[in-house]
C-alpha atoms as a PDB file:
ATOM      1  CA  MET A   1      16.977 -31.431 -17.474  1.00  0.00           C
ATOM      2  CA  PHE A   2      13.406 -30.248 -17.999  1.00  0.00           C
ATOM      3  CA  LYS A   3      11.645 -31.894 -20.948  1.00  0.00           C
ATOM      4  CA  ILE A   4       8.538 -30.850 -22.823  1.00  0.00           C
ATOM      5  CA  PRO A   5       5.939 -33.595 -23.287  1.00  0.00           C
ATOM      6  CA  GLY A   6       6.835 -35.266 -26.555  1.00  0.00           C
ATOM      7  CA  GLY A   7      10.504 -35.654 -25.676  1.00  0.00           C
ATOM      8  CA  GLN A   8      11.821 -32.262 -26.825  1.00  0.00           C
ATOM      9  CA  ARG A   9      14.082 -30.154 -24.646  1.00  0.00           C
ATOM     10  CA  PRO A  10      13.361 -26.436 -24.414  1.00  0.00           C
ATOM     11  CA  SER A  11      15.932 -24.090 -25.861  1.00  0.00           C
ATOM     12  CA  ARG A  12      18.018 -21.908 -23.560  1.00  0.00           C
ATOM     13  CA  PRO A  13      16.146 -18.706 -24.518  1.00  0.00           C
ATOM     14  CA  ALA A  14      12.850 -20.418 -23.705  1.00  0.00           C
ATOM     15  CA  LEU A  15      14.202 -21.411 -20.287  1.00  0.00           C
ATOM     16  CA  ARG A  16      15.368 -17.852 -19.681  1.00  0.00           C
ATOM     17  CA  VAL A  17      11.942 -16.487 -20.582  1.00  0.00           C
ATOM     18  CA  ALA A  18      10.259 -19.004 -18.302  1.00  0.00           C
ATOM     19  CA  CYS A  19      12.618 -18.140 -15.444  1.00  0.00           C
ATOM     20  CA  CYS A  20      12.050 -14.413 -15.961  1.00  0.00           C
ATOM     21  CA  ALA A  21       8.284 -14.895 -16.002  1.00  0.00           C
ATOM     22  CA  LEU A  22       8.471 -16.899 -12.779  1.00  0.00           C
ATOM     23  CA  ALA A  23      10.668 -14.256 -11.127  1.00  0.00           C
ATOM     24  CA  LEU A  24       8.321 -11.456 -12.227  1.00  0.00           C
ATOM     25  CA  SER A  25       5.280 -13.240 -10.844  1.00  0.00           C
ATOM     26  CA  ALA A  26       7.070 -13.838  -7.526  1.00  0.00           C
ATOM     27  CA  CYS A  27       8.016 -10.145  -7.333  1.00  0.00           C
ATOM     28  CA  SER A  28       4.443  -9.093  -8.132  1.00  0.00           C
ATOM     29  CA  ALA A  29       3.100 -11.305  -5.352  1.00  0.00           C
ATOM     30  CA  ALA A  30       5.640  -9.902  -2.879  1.00  0.00           C
ATOM     31  CA  LEU A  31       4.708  -6.316  -3.824  1.00  0.00           C
ATOM     32  CA  ALA A  32       1.002  -7.053  -3.398  1.00  0.00           C
ATOM     33  CA  ILE A  33       1.683  -8.463   0.069  1.00  0.00           C
ATOM     34  CA  GLU A  34       3.733  -5.386   0.992  1.00  0.00           C
ATOM     35  CA  GLU A  35       0.898  -3.117  -0.206  1.00  0.00           C
ATOM     36  CA  ASP A  36      -1.609  -5.077   1.874  1.00  0.00           C
ATOM     37  CA  VAL A  37       0.615  -4.766   4.946  1.00  0.00           C
ATOM     38  CA  GLU A  38       0.925  -1.024   4.352  1.00  0.00           C
ATOM     39  CA  ARG A  39      -2.853  -0.664   4.030  1.00  0.00           C
ATOM     40  CA  GLU A  40      -3.328  -2.574   7.297  1.00  0.00           C
ATOM     41  CA  ASN A  41      -0.790  -0.343   9.037  1.00  0.00           C
ATOM     42  CA  LEU A  42      -2.477   2.786   7.723  1.00  0.00           C
ATOM     43  CA  ALA A  43      -5.870   1.491   8.861  1.00  0.00           C
ATOM     44  CA  ARG A  44      -4.447   0.984  12.360  1.00  0.00           C
ATOM     45  CA  ILE A  45      -2.988   4.493  12.366  1.00  0.00           C
ATOM     46  CA  ALA A  46      -6.317   5.962  11.226  1.00  0.00           C
ATOM     47  CA  ASP A  47      -8.072   4.031  13.998  1.00  0.00           C
ATOM     48  CA  GLU A  48      -5.637   5.408  16.597  1.00  0.00           C
ATOM     49  CA  ILE A  49      -6.163   8.940  15.270  1.00  0.00           C
ATOM     50  CA  ALA A  50      -9.931   8.468  15.650  1.00  0.00           C
ATOM     51  CA  HIS A  51      -9.337   7.522  19.312  1.00  0.00           C
ATOM     52  CA  VAL A  52      -7.109  10.565  19.791  1.00  0.00           C
ATOM     53  CA  ARG A  53      -9.789  12.783  18.250  1.00  0.00           C
ATOM     54  CA  ALA A  54     -12.282  11.456  20.810  1.00  0.00           C
ATOM     55  CA  LEU A  55      -9.797  12.229  23.608  1.00  0.00           C
ATOM     56  CA  VAL A  56      -9.281  15.731  22.245  1.00  0.00           C
ATOM     57  CA  ALA A  57     -13.051  16.312  22.098  1.00  0.00           C
ATOM     58  CA  ALA A  58     -13.399  15.172  25.713  1.00  0.00           C
ATOM     59  CA  ALA A  59     -10.501  17.386  26.805  1.00  0.00           C
ATOM     60  CA  ALA A  60     -11.986  20.368  24.939  1.00  0.00           C
ATOM     61  CA  ALA A  61     -15.307  19.867  26.709  1.00  0.00           C
ATOM     62  CA  LYS A  62     -13.577  19.947  30.116  1.00  0.00           C
ATOM     63  CA  ALA A  63     -11.107  22.744  29.337  1.00  0.00           C
ATOM     64  CA  PRO A  64     -11.069  25.661  31.798  1.00  0.00           C
ATOM     65  CA  THR A  65     -12.603  28.863  30.451  1.00  0.00           C
ATOM     66  CA  GLY A  66     -10.842  31.608  32.377  1.00  0.00           C
ATOM     67  CA  GLN A  67      -7.294  31.133  31.104  1.00  0.00           C
ATOM     68  CA  ARG A  68      -5.227  33.887  29.591  1.00  0.00           C
ATOM     69  CA  VAL A  69      -3.598  31.495  27.110  1.00  0.00           C
ATOM     70  CA  LYS A  70      -5.908  28.825  25.797  1.00  0.00           C
ATOM     71  CA  PHE A  71      -5.047  25.598  24.067  1.00  0.00           C
ATOM     72  CA  ARG A  72      -6.663  25.515  20.617  1.00  0.00           C
ATOM     73  CA  TYR A  73      -8.353  22.124  20.628  1.00  0.00           C
ATOM     74  CA  ASP A  74     -10.224  23.103  17.468  1.00  0.00           C
ATOM     75  CA  TRP A  75      -6.946  23.530  15.594  1.00  0.00           C
ATOM     76  CA  LEU A  76      -5.712  20.171  16.865  1.00  0.00           C
ATOM     77  CA  GLN A  77      -8.986  18.541  15.761  1.00  0.00           C
ATOM     78  CA  ARG A  78      -8.652  20.070  12.302  1.00  0.00           C
ATOM     79  CA  ASP A  79      -5.070  18.847  11.930  1.00  0.00           C
ATOM     80  CA  LEU A  80      -5.992  15.351  13.061  1.00  0.00           C
ATOM     81  CA  GLN A  81      -8.870  15.333  10.582  1.00  0.00           C
ATOM     82  CA  LEU A  82      -6.529  16.399   7.762  1.00  0.00           C
ATOM     83  CA  ILE A  83      -4.166  13.563   8.647  1.00  0.00           C
ATOM     84  CA  GLU A  84      -7.067  11.095   8.696  1.00  0.00           C
ATOM     85  CA  VAL A  85      -8.283  12.284   5.299  1.00  0.00           C
ATOM     86  CA  GLY A  86      -4.780  11.977   3.819  1.00  0.00           C
ATOM     87  CA  ILE A  87      -4.409   8.435   5.099  1.00  0.00           C
ATOM     88  CA  GLN A  88      -7.858   7.488   3.830  1.00  0.00           C
ATOM     89  CA  GLN A  89      -7.210   8.969   0.386  1.00  0.00           C
ATOM     90  CA  HIS A  90      -3.962   7.038   0.097  1.00  0.00           C
ATOM     91  CA  ALA A  91      -5.540   3.786   1.287  1.00  0.00           C
ATOM     92  CA  ASP A  92      -8.525   4.171  -1.078  1.00  0.00           C
ATOM     93  CA  ALA A  93      -6.427   5.058  -4.121  1.00  0.00           C
ATOM     94  CA  PRO A  94      -6.565   2.399  -6.809  1.00  0.00           C
ATOM     95  CA  ARG A  95      -3.434   0.373  -7.264  1.00  0.00           C
ATOM     96  CA  GLN A  96      -1.664   1.734 -10.286  1.00  0.00           C
ATOM     97  CA  PRO A  97      -0.432  -0.762 -12.845  1.00  0.00           C
ATOM     98  CA  ARG A  98       3.262  -0.573 -13.478  1.00  0.00           C
ATOM     99  CA  PRO A  99       4.606  -0.493 -17.031  1.00  0.00           C
ATOM    100  CA  VAL A 100       5.865  -3.855 -18.209  1.00  0.00           C
ATOM    101  CA  PRO A 101       8.171  -4.216 -21.202  1.00  0.00           C
ATOM    102  CA  ALA A 102       6.538  -5.851 -24.194  1.00  0.00           C
ATOM    103  CA  LEU A 103       7.245  -9.526 -24.757  1.00  0.00           C
ATOM    104  CA  ARG A 104       8.726 -10.526 -28.059  1.00  0.00           C
ATOM    105  CA  GLY A 105       6.230 -13.366 -28.540  1.00  0.00           C
ATOM    106  CA  ASP A 106       7.975 -15.126 -31.422  1.00  0.00           C
ATOM    107  CA  TYR A 107      10.696 -17.460 -30.161  1.00  0.00           C
ATOM    108  CA  ARG A 108      11.573 -19.117 -33.461  1.00  0.00           C
ATOM    109  CA  GLN A 109      14.678 -18.169 -35.312  1.00  0.00           C
END
């Protein structure tokens, strides 16, 4: 059994609180890791979209001019830019703190 320096054993409620605090800190660390992974994935997607935008610009520059029905590269560029901006806004958003229930603080009876 766990003992406090001085020979005293912690009470069961104190052990429960300690276990809950440990579990909460482990969950917080796991969530932070998941958020970092998501940000990395979004950065990769934004990078790929930037490459696609360059391809679209090159294709637009070489597009034939005498067609009856033209592909609207400008519309595609605008949509890709909107997607890029949305990803960037999400990635740059500050991490919002989550509400945590108040601790009792007094463990004496």
